[in-house]
Amino acid sequence: MHTNKNKYKAVILKPRKSLEIERNILEEFNCSLIQGKGNTPEEIIETARGADALIASGNPINKEVIAALDKLKIIALIGVGFDTVDIKAASDNGIIVTNVPDLIAEIVADHAVALILSLIRRIPQADRMVRQGNWESDFSKWAKPVPKLRGLTTGIIGFGRTGREVASRLISFGFDIIAYDPYAKELPQTKVKIFDNLEDLLKKADVITIHVNFSKETNNLIKEEELKLMKETAFLINVSRGGVINEEALTKALTQGWIAGAALDVTKDEPPKNDNPLLKLENIIITPHIAYYSDESVIEQRKRTANEVARVIQGLPPLFPVN
């Protein structure tokens, strides 16, 4: 039985069936944990009044929320992205924001490569065809293009941890790798050619995979102009944030043959609305924002965020601060 006699209070905004993992860590440091609601700023304020810590993931933590939660010491984010938190408001109010920047890079890279292979080899379409009672081994009658992997050029937009993990995997398949990242400072991948501008990468690549943080700079990064630069035989993959690609432009590109196919783990609206035209297309794969997921990573993410809360309420510096 959990009481409210603890010195500190933490609220988790991501729905959980059980809070045992976090509670086992936090209660050692005199911090209680309750399940909150976080779909709207109003819900967050109502459910988290008096909280010293928020554990969140994609929740709208704006300046109004931050101003209302005047005891707040830390916002511990379960994943990598922090675009839904007003970082400036948090900093101005002395609130530490943390994330988990390194834990899921390998897993997200695995998912990106799985999407690339599935897209090129037309795995989902072939599976659906068989389930519908059709058996046609001649790909050329229903799937174009289906190129061999070796010798294809993959363009990686965003050459941070995840982008580099993708590169290392694809090199083993025989892909040539090029990358664009104006902020990349270290280039340990000697086989990767770095492009100075995005346009040249878009023209050159057979496969383009996106691994960037969401910001004003990356919002609508891929629009009609960028899609028209790509090859008609090219494939586009996004496992970063839905807003990076303009979905209206992508729909045109897929229906009018500007590109051969796309695979998304993220969409602008999550879940996508039922009338989203992308859901009706055959040359796209959409997964429900699961690139981060593995049995091990989910547990470790939860432990890491709880440990960050424990450090901050003790007066220790966080291990992975955003601000």
C-alpha atoms as a PDB file:
ATOM      1  CA  MET A   1       0.000   0.000   0.000  1.00  0.00           C
ATOM      2  CA  HIS A   2       1.368   3.411  -1.020  1.00  0.00           C
ATOM      3  CA  THR A   3       0.711   6.445   1.148  1.00  0.00           C
ATOM      4  CA  ASN A   4       1.144  10.171   0.580  1.00  0.00           C
ATOM      5  CA  LYS A   5       3.562  10.588   3.539  1.00  0.00           C
ATOM      6  CA  ASN A   6       6.608  10.749   1.306  1.00  0.00           C
ATOM      7  CA  LYS A   7       8.555  13.981   1.147  1.00  0.00           C
ATOM      8  CA  TYR A   8       8.473  14.189  -2.653  1.00  0.00           C
ATOM      9  CA  LYS A   9       5.803  13.549  -5.270  1.00  0.00           C
ATOM     10  CA  ALA A  10       6.274  12.397  -8.848  1.00  0.00           C
ATOM     11  CA  VAL A  11       3.571  12.066 -11.493  1.00  0.00           C
ATOM     12  CA  ILE A  12       3.886   9.860 -14.558  1.00  0.00           C
ATOM     13  CA  LEU A  13       1.874  11.083 -17.540  1.00  0.00           C
ATOM     14  CA  LYS A  14       2.328   8.028 -19.764  1.00  0.00           C
ATOM     15  CA  PRO A  15      -0.372   5.450 -18.929  1.00  0.00           C
ATOM     16  CA  ARG A  16       1.010   2.336 -17.259  1.00  0.00           C
ATOM     17  CA  LYS A  17      -0.696  -0.863 -16.146  1.00  0.00           C
ATOM     18  CA  SER A  18       1.809  -1.046 -13.306  1.00  0.00           C
ATOM     19  CA  LEU A  19       4.141   1.529 -11.751  1.00  0.00           C
ATOM     20  CA  GLU A  20       6.215  -1.056  -9.924  1.00  0.00           C
ATOM     21  CA  ILE A  21       9.459  -0.429 -11.838  1.00  0.00           C
ATOM     22  CA  GLU A  22       9.478   3.298 -11.086  1.00  0.00           C
ATOM     23  CA  ARG A  23       8.156   2.949  -7.545  1.00  0.00           C
ATOM     24  CA  ASN A  24      10.865   0.464  -6.611  1.00  0.00           C
ATOM     25  CA  ILE A  25      13.420   3.165  -7.410  1.00  0.00           C
ATOM     26  CA  LEU A  26      11.670   6.327  -6.219  1.00  0.00           C
ATOM     27  CA  GLU A  27      10.310   5.150  -2.900  1.00  0.00           C
ATOM     28  CA  GLU A  28      13.867   4.472  -1.729  1.00  0.00           C
ATOM     29  CA  PHE A  29      14.331   8.232  -1.910  1.00  0.00           C
ATOM     30  CA  ASN A  30      11.120   9.189  -0.099  1.00  0.00           C
ATOM     31  CA  CYS A  31       9.284   9.971  -3.353  1.00  0.00           C
ATOM     32  CA  SER A  32       5.759   8.749  -4.081  1.00  0.00           C
ATOM     33  CA  LEU A  33       4.575   8.124  -7.624  1.00  0.00           C
ATOM     34  CA  ILE A  34       1.046   8.443  -8.985  1.00  0.00           C
ATOM     35  CA  GLN A  35      -0.477   7.841 -12.406  1.00  0.00           C
ATOM     36  CA  GLY A  36      -1.529  11.080 -14.044  1.00  0.00           C
ATOM     37  CA  LYS A  37      -3.196  12.167 -17.275  1.00  0.00           C
ATOM     38  CA  GLY A  38      -1.379  14.106 -19.939  1.00  0.00           C
ATOM     39  CA  ASN A  39      -3.357  14.501 -23.139  1.00  0.00           C
ATOM     40  CA  THR A  40      -3.864  18.257 -22.692  1.00  0.00           C
ATOM     41  CA  PRO A  41      -2.125  21.006 -20.707  1.00  0.00           C
ATOM     42  CA  GLU A  42      -5.253  21.310 -18.562  1.00  0.00           C
ATOM     43  CA  GLU A  43      -5.139  17.614 -17.686  1.00  0.00           C
ATOM     44  CA  ILE A  44      -1.480  17.837 -16.765  1.00  0.00           C
ATOM     45  CA  ILE A  45      -2.036  20.824 -14.473  1.00  0.00           C
ATOM     46  CA  GLU A  46      -5.004  19.185 -12.776  1.00  0.00           C
ATOM     47  CA  THR A  47      -3.341  15.833 -12.259  1.00  0.00           C
ATOM     48  CA  ALA A  48       0.128  17.055 -11.298  1.00  0.00           C
ATOM     49  CA  ARG A  49      -0.509  19.868  -8.820  1.00  0.00           C
ATOM     50  CA  GLY A  50       2.114  19.837  -6.111  1.00  0.00           C
ATOM     51  CA  ALA A  51       4.417  17.514  -8.047  1.00  0.00           C
ATOM     52  CA  ASP A  52       8.184  17.724  -7.682  1.00  0.00           C
ATOM     53  CA  ALA A  53       8.718  15.645 -10.813  1.00  0.00           C
ATOM     54  CA  LEU A  54       6.982  14.733 -14.054  1.00  0.00           C
ATOM     55  CA  ILE A  55       7.774  11.589 -16.019  1.00  0.00           C
ATOM     56  CA  ALA A  56       6.511  12.205 -19.534  1.00  0.00           C
ATOM     57  CA  SER A  57       6.574  11.111 -23.156  1.00  0.00           C
ATOM     58  CA  GLY A  58       5.108  13.304 -25.885  1.00  0.00           C
ATOM     59  CA  ASN A  59       2.857  15.207 -23.478  1.00  0.00           C
ATOM     60  CA  PRO A  60       2.143  18.923 -24.135  1.00  0.00           C
ATOM     61  CA  ILE A  61       4.158  20.563 -21.362  1.00  0.00           C
ATOM     62  CA  ASN A  62       3.920  24.227 -22.320  1.00  0.00           C
ATOM     63  CA  LYS A  63       4.736  27.415 -20.417  1.00  0.00           C
ATOM     64  CA  GLU A  64       1.274  27.474 -18.822  1.00  0.00           C
ATOM     65  CA  VAL A  65       1.846  23.995 -17.396  1.00  0.00           C
ATOM     66  CA  ILE A  66       5.284  24.950 -16.157  1.00  0.00           C
ATOM     67  CA  ALA A  67       3.999  28.152 -14.547  1.00  0.00           C
ATOM     68  CA  ALA A  68       1.183  26.285 -12.784  1.00  0.00           C
ATOM     69  CA  LEU A  69       3.402  23.536 -11.345  1.00  0.00           C
ATOM     70  CA  ASP A  70       5.422  25.784  -9.072  1.00  0.00           C
ATOM     71  CA  LYS A  71       7.080  22.941  -7.093  1.00  0.00           C
ATOM     72  CA  LEU A  72       8.399  21.178 -10.169  1.00  0.00           C
ATOM     73  CA  LYS A  73      12.117  20.335 -10.137  1.00  0.00           C
ATOM     74  CA  ILE A  74      12.456  17.959 -13.091  1.00  0.00           C
ATOM     75  CA  ILE A  75      10.699  16.827 -16.253  1.00  0.00           C
ATOM     76  CA  ALA A  76      12.125  13.387 -17.032  1.00  0.00           C
ATOM     77  CA  LEU A  77      11.353  12.326 -20.594  1.00  0.00           C
ATOM     78  CA  ILE A  78      11.176   8.623 -21.338  1.00  0.00           C
ATOM     79  CA  GLY A  79      12.435   8.901 -24.905  1.00  0.00           C
ATOM     80  CA  VAL A  80      14.773  11.001 -27.019  1.00  0.00           C
ATOM     81  CA  GLY A  81      12.487  13.753 -28.349  1.00  0.00           C
ATOM     82  CA  PHE A  82      11.775  16.866 -26.313  1.00  0.00           C
ATOM     83  CA  ASP A  83       9.842  18.974 -28.841  1.00  0.00           C
ATOM     84  CA  THR A  84       6.609  18.826 -26.799  1.00  0.00           C
ATOM     85  CA  VAL A  85       8.254  20.553 -23.815  1.00  0.00           C
ATOM     86  CA  ASP A  86       8.817  24.313 -23.651  1.00  0.00           C
ATOM     87  CA  ILE A  87      12.511  24.049 -22.834  1.00  0.00           C
ATOM     88  CA  LYS A  88      12.983  27.811 -22.459  1.00  0.00           C
ATOM     89  CA  ALA A  89      10.119  28.096 -19.970  1.00  0.00           C
ATOM     90  CA  ALA A  90      11.519  25.153 -18.028  1.00  0.00           C
ATOM     91  CA  SER A  91      14.983  26.719 -17.927  1.00  0.00           C
ATOM     92  CA  ASP A  92      13.586  30.124 -16.931  1.00  0.00           C
ATOM     93  CA  ASN A  93      11.813  28.465 -14.009  1.00  0.00           C
ATOM     94  CA  GLY A  94      14.835  26.460 -12.888  1.00  0.00           C
ATOM     95  CA  ILE A  95      13.349  23.120 -13.978  1.00  0.00           C
ATOM     96  CA  ILE A  96      15.701  20.442 -15.261  1.00  0.00           C
ATOM     97  CA  VAL A  97      14.631  18.528 -18.374  1.00  0.00           C
ATOM     98  CA  THR A  98      16.206  15.142 -19.070  1.00  0.00           C
ATOM     99  CA  ASN A  99      15.823  12.530 -21.794  1.00  0.00           C
ATOM    100  CA  VAL A 100      17.204   9.129 -22.777  1.00  0.00           C
ATOM    101  CA  PRO A 101      19.356   9.996 -25.796  1.00  0.00           C
ATOM    102  CA  ASP A 102      21.470   6.893 -26.256  1.00  0.00           C
ATOM    103  CA  LEU A 103      19.518   3.858 -25.134  1.00  0.00           C
ATOM    104  CA  ILE A 104      17.301   3.255 -28.165  1.00  0.00           C
ATOM    105  CA  ALA A 105      19.596   4.293 -31.010  1.00  0.00           C
ATOM    106  CA  GLU A 106      20.409   0.676 -31.880  1.00  0.00           C
ATOM    107  CA  ILE A 107      16.758  -0.416 -31.696  1.00  0.00           C
ATOM    108  CA  VAL A 108      15.488   2.469 -33.818  1.00  0.00           C
ATOM    109  CA  ALA A 109      18.220   1.677 -36.330  1.00  0.00           C
ATOM    110  CA  ASP A 110      17.073  -1.953 -36.400  1.00  0.00           C
ATOM    111  CA  HIS A 111      13.521  -0.824 -37.150  1.00  0.00           C
ATOM    112  CA  ALA A 112      14.651   1.591 -39.849  1.00  0.00           C
ATOM    113  CA  VAL A 113      16.631  -1.146 -41.592  1.00  0.00           C
ATOM    114  CA  ALA A 114      13.671  -3.539 -41.264  1.00  0.00           C
ATOM    115  CA  LEU A 115      11.476  -0.936 -42.971  1.00  0.00           C
ATOM    116  CA  ILE A 116      14.033  -0.388 -45.721  1.00  0.00           C
ATOM    117  CA  LEU A 117      14.304  -4.112 -46.474  1.00  0.00           C
ATOM    118  CA  SER A 118      10.547  -4.659 -46.254  1.00  0.00           C
ATOM    119  CA  LEU A 119       9.888  -1.709 -48.539  1.00  0.00           C
ATOM    120  CA  ILE A 120      12.375  -2.713 -51.214  1.00  0.00           C
ATOM    121  CA  ARG A 121      11.470  -6.415 -51.088  1.00  0.00           C
ATOM    122  CA  ARG A 122       7.708  -5.609 -50.956  1.00  0.00           C
ATOM    123  CA  ILE A 123       7.224  -7.886 -47.954  1.00  0.00           C
ATOM    124  CA  PRO A 124       3.886  -6.461 -46.676  1.00  0.00           C
ATOM    125  CA  GLN A 125       2.352  -6.481 -50.160  1.00  0.00           C
ATOM    126  CA  ALA A 126       3.492 -10.045 -50.813  1.00  0.00           C
ATOM    127  CA  ASP A 127       2.077 -11.183 -47.469  1.00  0.00           C
ATOM    128  CA  ARG A 128      -1.290  -9.541 -48.179  1.00  0.00           C
ATOM    129  CA  MET A 129      -1.391 -11.083 -51.642  1.00  0.00           C
ATOM    130  CA  VAL A 130      -0.913 -14.611 -50.298  1.00  0.00           C
ATOM    131  CA  ARG A 131      -3.530 -14.073 -47.569  1.00  0.00           C
ATOM    132  CA  GLN A 132      -5.982 -12.966 -50.255  1.00  0.00           C
ATOM    133  CA  GLY A 133      -5.543 -16.271 -52.054  1.00  0.00           C
ATOM    134  CA  ASN A 134      -3.129 -15.112 -54.734  1.00  0.00           C
ATOM    135  CA  TRP A 135       0.183 -16.846 -55.377  1.00  0.00           C
ATOM    136  CA  GLU A 136       2.302 -15.168 -58.006  1.00  0.00           C
ATOM    137  CA  SER A 137       6.043 -15.649 -57.742  1.00  0.00           C
ATOM    138  CA  ASP A 138       6.840 -13.329 -60.637  1.00  0.00           C
ATOM    139  CA  PHE A 139       7.475 -10.005 -58.915  1.00  0.00           C
ATOM    140  CA  SER A 140       7.744  -8.209 -62.230  1.00  0.00           C
ATOM    141  CA  LYS A 141       3.997  -8.610 -62.822  1.00  0.00           C
ATOM    142  CA  TRP A 142       2.967  -6.605 -59.761  1.00  0.00           C
ATOM    143  CA  ALA A 143       5.936  -4.952 -58.036  1.00  0.00           C
ATOM    144  CA  LYS A 144       8.203  -2.288 -59.483  1.00  0.00           C
ATOM    145  CA  PRO A 145      10.916  -1.469 -58.704  1.00  0.00           C
ATOM    146  CA  VAL A 146      12.523  -4.324 -56.776  1.00  0.00           C
ATOM    147  CA  PRO A 147      16.268  -3.626 -57.057  1.00  0.00           C
ATOM    148  CA  LYS A 148      19.009  -5.767 -55.575  1.00  0.00           C
ATOM    149  CA  LEU A 149      20.385  -4.267 -52.369  1.00  0.00           C
ATOM    150  CA  ARG A 150      24.108  -4.338 -53.096  1.00  0.00           C
ATOM    151  CA  GLY A 151      25.171  -1.160 -54.825  1.00  0.00           C
ATOM    152  CA  LEU A 152      22.170   0.932 -53.793  1.00  0.00           C
ATOM    153  CA  THR A 153      22.942   4.325 -52.291  1.00  0.00           C
ATOM    154  CA  THR A 154      21.278   5.218 -49.004  1.00  0.00           C
ATOM    155  CA  GLY A 155      21.134   8.865 -47.983  1.00  0.00           C
ATOM    156  CA  ILE A 156      20.924   9.392 -44.224  1.00  0.00           C
ATOM    157  CA  ILE A 157      19.460  12.715 -43.107  1.00  0.00           C
ATOM    158  CA  GLY A 158      20.704  13.292 -39.571  1.00  0.00           C
ATOM    159  CA  PHE A 159      23.999  11.540 -38.858  1.00  0.00           C
ATOM    160  CA  GLY A 160      23.841  11.302 -35.083  1.00  0.00           C
ATOM    161  CA  ARG A 161      23.774   8.131 -32.975  1.00  0.00           C
ATOM    162  CA  THR A 162      20.882   6.493 -34.801  1.00  0.00           C
ATOM    163  CA  GLY A 163      21.970   7.550 -38.274  1.00  0.00           C
ATOM    164  CA  ARG A 164      25.394   6.043 -37.691  1.00  0.00           C
ATOM    165  CA  GLU A 165      23.902   2.810 -36.386  1.00  0.00           C
ATOM    166  CA  VAL A 166      21.819   2.593 -39.584  1.00  0.00           C
ATOM    167  CA  ALA A 167      24.924   3.182 -41.678  1.00  0.00           C
ATOM    168  CA  SER A 168      26.866   0.386 -39.990  1.00  0.00           C
ATOM    169  CA  ARG A 169      24.043  -2.073 -40.635  1.00  0.00           C
ATOM    170  CA  LEU A 170      23.453  -1.136 -44.259  1.00  0.00           C
ATOM    171  CA  ILE A 171      27.141  -1.258 -45.151  1.00  0.00           C
ATOM    172  CA  SER A 172      27.059  -4.985 -44.371  1.00  0.00           C
ATOM    173  CA  PHE A 173      24.298  -5.394 -46.979  1.00  0.00           C
ATOM    174  CA  GLY A 174      26.468  -3.722 -49.606  1.00  0.00           C
ATOM    175  CA  PHE A 175      24.779  -0.303 -49.616  1.00  0.00           C
ATOM    176  CA  ASP A 176      26.833   2.792 -50.388  1.00  0.00           C
ATOM    177  CA  ILE A 177      26.166   5.387 -47.676  1.00  0.00           C
ATOM    178  CA  ILE A 178      25.957   9.162 -47.982  1.00  0.00           C
ATOM    179  CA  ALA A 179      24.785  11.522 -45.277  1.00  0.00           C
ATOM    180  CA  TYR A 180      23.652  15.074 -44.615  1.00  0.00           C
ATOM    181  CA  ASP A 181      23.918  16.652 -41.175  1.00  0.00           C
ATOM    182  CA  PRO A 182      25.056  20.258 -40.733  1.00  0.00           C
ATOM    183  CA  TYR A 183      25.675  19.576 -37.029  1.00  0.00           C
ATOM    184  CA  ALA A 184      27.716  16.372 -37.307  1.00  0.00           C
ATOM    185  CA  LYS A 185      31.088  17.030 -35.688  1.00  0.00           C
ATOM    186  CA  GLU A 186      32.618  13.560 -35.591  1.00  0.00           C
ATOM    187  CA  LEU A 187      32.677  11.248 -38.571  1.00  0.00           C
ATOM    188  CA  PRO A 188      33.873   7.816 -37.424  1.00  0.00           C
ATOM    189  CA  GLN A 189      32.324   6.108 -40.461  1.00  0.00           C
ATOM    190  CA  THR A 190      35.147   6.286 -42.991  1.00  0.00           C
ATOM    191  CA  LYS A 191      32.967   4.715 -45.699  1.00  0.00           C
ATOM    192  CA  VAL A 192      30.333   7.457 -45.472  1.00  0.00           C
ATOM    193  CA  LYS A 193      30.448  10.465 -47.766  1.00  0.00           C
ATOM    194  CA  ILE A 194      29.090  13.628 -46.151  1.00  0.00           C
ATOM    195  CA  PHE A 195      27.139  16.006 -48.398  1.00  0.00           C
ATOM    196  CA  ASP A 196      27.198  19.756 -47.840  1.00  0.00           C
ATOM    197  CA  ASN A 197      23.578  20.272 -48.837  1.00  0.00           C
ATOM    198  CA  LEU A 198      20.361  18.304 -48.697  1.00  0.00           C
ATOM    199  CA  GLU A 199      19.449  18.804 -52.341  1.00  0.00           C
ATOM    200  CA  ASP A 200      22.464  16.898 -53.651  1.00  0.00           C
ATOM    201  CA  LEU A 201      21.762  13.993 -51.301  1.00  0.00           C
ATOM    202  CA  LEU A 202      18.122  13.801 -52.416  1.00  0.00           C
ATOM    203  CA  LYS A 203      19.150  13.628 -56.077  1.00  0.00           C
ATOM    204  CA  LYS A 204      21.791  10.957 -55.518  1.00  0.00           C
ATOM    205  CA  ALA A 205      20.149   8.499 -53.092  1.00  0.00           C
ATOM    206  CA  ASP A 206      18.124   5.384 -53.936  1.00  0.00           C
ATOM    207  CA  VAL A 207      16.961   5.151 -50.326  1.00  0.00           C
ATOM    208  CA  ILE A 208      16.546   8.122 -47.975  1.00  0.00           C
ATOM    209  CA  THR A 209      16.113   7.590 -44.253  1.00  0.00           C
ATOM    210  CA  ILE A 210      15.445  10.412 -41.776  1.00  0.00           C
ATOM    211  CA  HIS A 211      16.912  10.583 -38.259  1.00  0.00           C
ATOM    212  CA  VAL A 212      16.552  14.157 -37.001  1.00  0.00           C
ATOM    213  CA  ASN A 213      15.101  15.866 -33.958  1.00  0.00           C
ATOM    214  CA  PHE A 214      11.891  17.807 -34.544  1.00  0.00           C
ATOM    215  CA  SER A 215      12.401  21.580 -34.497  1.00  0.00           C
ATOM    216  CA  LYS A 216      11.541  24.722 -36.444  1.00  0.00           C
ATOM    217  CA  GLU A 217      14.358  23.812 -38.819  1.00  0.00           C
ATOM    218  CA  THR A 218      13.112  20.284 -39.480  1.00  0.00           C
ATOM    219  CA  ASN A 219       9.362  20.993 -39.533  1.00  0.00           C
ATOM    220  CA  ASN A 220       8.242  20.238 -43.124  1.00  0.00           C
ATOM    221  CA  LEU A 221      11.851  19.517 -44.059  1.00  0.00           C
ATOM    222  CA  ILE A 222      10.611  17.234 -46.865  1.00  0.00           C
ATOM    223  CA  LYS A 223       8.013  19.036 -49.003  1.00  0.00           C
ATOM    224  CA  GLU A 224       6.997  18.901 -52.679  1.00  0.00           C
ATOM    225  CA  GLU A 225      10.214  20.601 -53.738  1.00  0.00           C
ATOM    226  CA  GLU A 226      12.376  18.019 -51.984  1.00  0.00           C
ATOM    227  CA  LEU A 227      10.275  15.039 -53.102  1.00  0.00           C
ATOM    228  CA  LYS A 228      10.518  16.140 -56.741  1.00  0.00           C
ATOM    229  CA  LEU A 229      14.305  16.100 -56.455  1.00  0.00           C
ATOM    230  CA  MET A 230      14.285  12.403 -55.591  1.00  0.00           C
ATOM    231  CA  LYS A 231      14.550   9.608 -58.129  1.00  0.00           C
ATOM    232  CA  GLU A 232      11.319   8.030 -59.340  1.00  0.00           C
ATOM    233  CA  THR A 233      12.760   4.708 -58.131  1.00  0.00           C
ATOM    234  CA  ALA A 234      13.679   6.043 -54.672  1.00  0.00           C
ATOM    235  CA  PHE A 235      12.282   4.981 -51.292  1.00  0.00           C
ATOM    236  CA  LEU A 236      11.730   7.305 -48.312  1.00  0.00           C
ATOM    237  CA  ILE A 237      11.821   6.181 -44.655  1.00  0.00           C
ATOM    238  CA  ASN A 238      11.006   8.253 -41.568  1.00  0.00           C
ATOM    239  CA  VAL A 239      11.470   7.047 -37.985  1.00  0.00           C
ATOM    240  CA  SER A 240      12.017  10.493 -36.449  1.00  0.00           C
ATOM    241  CA  ARG A 241       8.908  12.720 -36.186  1.00  0.00           C
ATOM    242  CA  GLY A 242       5.850  12.899 -38.417  1.00  0.00           C
ATOM    243  CA  GLY A 243       6.043  16.650 -38.933  1.00  0.00           C
ATOM    244  CA  VAL A 244       9.379  16.341 -40.731  1.00  0.00           C
ATOM    245  CA  ILE A 245       7.548  15.212 -43.895  1.00  0.00           C
ATOM    246  CA  ASN A 246       4.646  17.147 -45.399  1.00  0.00           C
ATOM    247  CA  GLU A 247       2.034  14.403 -45.701  1.00  0.00           C
ATOM    248  CA  GLU A 248       0.011  16.097 -48.443  1.00  0.00           C
ATOM    249  CA  ALA A 249       3.134  16.316 -50.560  1.00  0.00           C
ATOM    250  CA  LEU A 250       4.045  12.711 -49.755  1.00  0.00           C
ATOM    251  CA  THR A 251       0.586  11.553 -50.837  1.00  0.00           C
ATOM    252  CA  LYS A 252       1.075  13.295 -54.187  1.00  0.00           C
ATOM    253  CA  ALA A 253       4.544  11.823 -54.557  1.00  0.00           C
ATOM    254  CA  LEU A 254       3.297   8.273 -53.974  1.00  0.00           C
ATOM    255  CA  THR A 255       0.161   8.521 -56.107  1.00  0.00           C
ATOM    256  CA  GLN A 256       1.753  10.402 -58.996  1.00  0.00           C
ATOM    257  CA  GLY A 257       4.922   8.345 -59.117  1.00  0.00           C
ATOM    258  CA  TRP A 258       7.465  10.942 -58.035  1.00  0.00           C
ATOM    259  CA  ILE A 259       8.996   8.240 -55.791  1.00  0.00           C
ATOM    260  CA  ALA A 260       8.592   4.456 -55.605  1.00  0.00           C
ATOM    261  CA  GLY A 261       7.540   4.024 -51.989  1.00  0.00           C
ATOM    262  CA  ALA A 262       7.716   5.174 -48.385  1.00  0.00           C
ATOM    263  CA  ALA A 263       7.797   3.709 -44.891  1.00  0.00           C
ATOM    264  CA  LEU A 264       6.788   5.680 -41.801  1.00  0.00           C
ATOM    265  CA  ASP A 265       6.949   4.823 -38.122  1.00  0.00           C
ATOM    266  CA  VAL A 266       5.606   8.297 -37.307  1.00  0.00           C
ATOM    267  CA  THR A 267       2.785  10.431 -38.681  1.00  0.00           C
ATOM    268  CA  LYS A 268       1.764  14.048 -38.194  1.00  0.00           C
ATOM    269  CA  ASP A 269      -1.315  12.973 -36.215  1.00  0.00           C
ATOM    270  CA  GLU A 270      -0.828   9.945 -33.997  1.00  0.00           C
ATOM    271  CA  PRO A 271      -2.796   7.864 -34.513  1.00  0.00           C
ATOM    272  CA  PRO A 272      -3.485   9.040 -38.082  1.00  0.00           C
ATOM    273  CA  LYS A 273      -7.057  10.030 -38.844  1.00  0.00           C
ATOM    274  CA  ASN A 274      -9.182   7.386 -40.579  1.00  0.00           C
ATOM    275  CA  ASP A 275      -9.499   9.537 -43.696  1.00  0.00           C
ATOM    276  CA  ASN A 276      -5.738  10.016 -44.074  1.00  0.00           C
ATOM    277  CA  PRO A 277      -5.149   9.116 -47.761  1.00  0.00           C
ATOM    278  CA  LEU A 278      -1.785   7.534 -46.959  1.00  0.00           C
ATOM    279  CA  LEU A 279      -3.632   4.661 -45.292  1.00  0.00           C
ATOM    280  CA  LYS A 280      -5.191   3.672 -48.620  1.00  0.00           C
ATOM    281  CA  LEU A 281      -1.950   3.420 -50.605  1.00  0.00           C
ATOM    282  CA  GLU A 282      -0.200   0.147 -51.448  1.00  0.00           C
ATOM    283  CA  ASN A 283       3.286   1.602 -51.841  1.00  0.00           C
ATOM    284  CA  ILE A 284       3.660   2.689 -48.219  1.00  0.00           C
ATOM    285  CA  ILE A 285       4.335   0.909 -44.920  1.00  0.00           C
ATOM    286  CA  ILE A 286       3.122   2.553 -41.692  1.00  0.00           C
ATOM    287  CA  THR A 287       3.983   1.235 -38.239  1.00  0.00           C
ATOM    288  CA  PRO A 288       2.521   2.742 -35.025  1.00  0.00           C
ATOM    289  CA  HIS A 289       5.543   4.605 -33.590  1.00  0.00           C
ATOM    290  CA  ILE A 290       7.195   1.426 -32.335  1.00  0.00           C
ATOM    291  CA  ALA A 291      10.775   1.901 -33.558  1.00  0.00           C
ATOM    292  CA  TYR A 292      11.911   2.513 -29.974  1.00  0.00           C
ATOM    293  CA  TYR A 293      10.431  -0.728 -28.682  1.00  0.00           C
ATOM    294  CA  SER A 294      12.100  -3.873 -27.462  1.00  0.00           C
ATOM    295  CA  ASP A 295      11.376  -5.897 -24.331  1.00  0.00           C
ATOM    296  CA  GLU A 296      14.663  -4.783 -22.829  1.00  0.00           C
ATOM    297  CA  SER A 297      14.633  -1.133 -23.914  1.00  0.00           C
ATOM    298  CA  VAL A 298      11.227  -0.343 -22.422  1.00  0.00           C
ATOM    299  CA  ILE A 299      12.294  -1.573 -18.983  1.00  0.00           C
ATOM    300  CA  GLU A 300      15.624   0.225 -19.159  1.00  0.00           C
ATOM    301  CA  GLN A 301      13.963   3.478 -20.287  1.00  0.00           C
ATOM    302  CA  ARG A 302      11.664   3.363 -17.282  1.00  0.00           C
ATOM    303  CA  LYS A 303      14.545   2.726 -14.908  1.00  0.00           C
ATOM    304  CA  ARG A 304      16.625   5.512 -16.429  1.00  0.00           C
ATOM    305  CA  THR A 305      13.897   8.153 -16.138  1.00  0.00           C
ATOM    306  CA  ALA A 306      13.120   7.163 -12.556  1.00  0.00           C
ATOM    307  CA  ASN A 307      16.810   7.310 -11.676  1.00  0.00           C
ATOM    308  CA  GLU A 308      17.069  10.808 -13.141  1.00  0.00           C
ATOM    309  CA  VAL A 309      14.178  11.898 -10.907  1.00  0.00           C
ATOM    310  CA  ALA A 310      15.879  10.264  -7.905  1.00  0.00           C
ATOM    311  CA  ARG A 311      19.140  12.101  -8.618  1.00  0.00           C
ATOM    312  CA  VAL A 312      17.538  15.519  -8.975  1.00  0.00           C
ATOM    313  CA  ILE A 313      15.367  15.340  -5.846  1.00  0.00           C
ATOM    314  CA  GLN A 314      18.539  14.434  -3.921  1.00  0.00           C
ATOM    315  CA  GLY A 315      20.263  17.529  -5.271  1.00  0.00           C
ATOM    316  CA  LEU A 316      22.523  15.606  -7.643  1.00  0.00           C
ATOM    317  CA  PRO A 317      23.042  16.646 -11.287  1.00  0.00           C
ATOM    318  CA  PRO A 318      21.194  14.594 -13.916  1.00  0.00           C
ATOM    319  CA  LEU A 319      23.149  12.268 -16.168  1.00  0.00           C
ATOM    320  CA  PHE A 320      21.378  13.316 -19.381  1.00  0.00           C
ATOM    321  CA  PRO A 321      20.204  16.949 -19.183  1.00  0.00           C
ATOM    322  CA  VAL A 322      18.499  18.573 -22.155  1.00  0.00           C
ATOM    323  CA  ASN A 323      18.773  22.129 -20.771  1.00  0.00           C
END
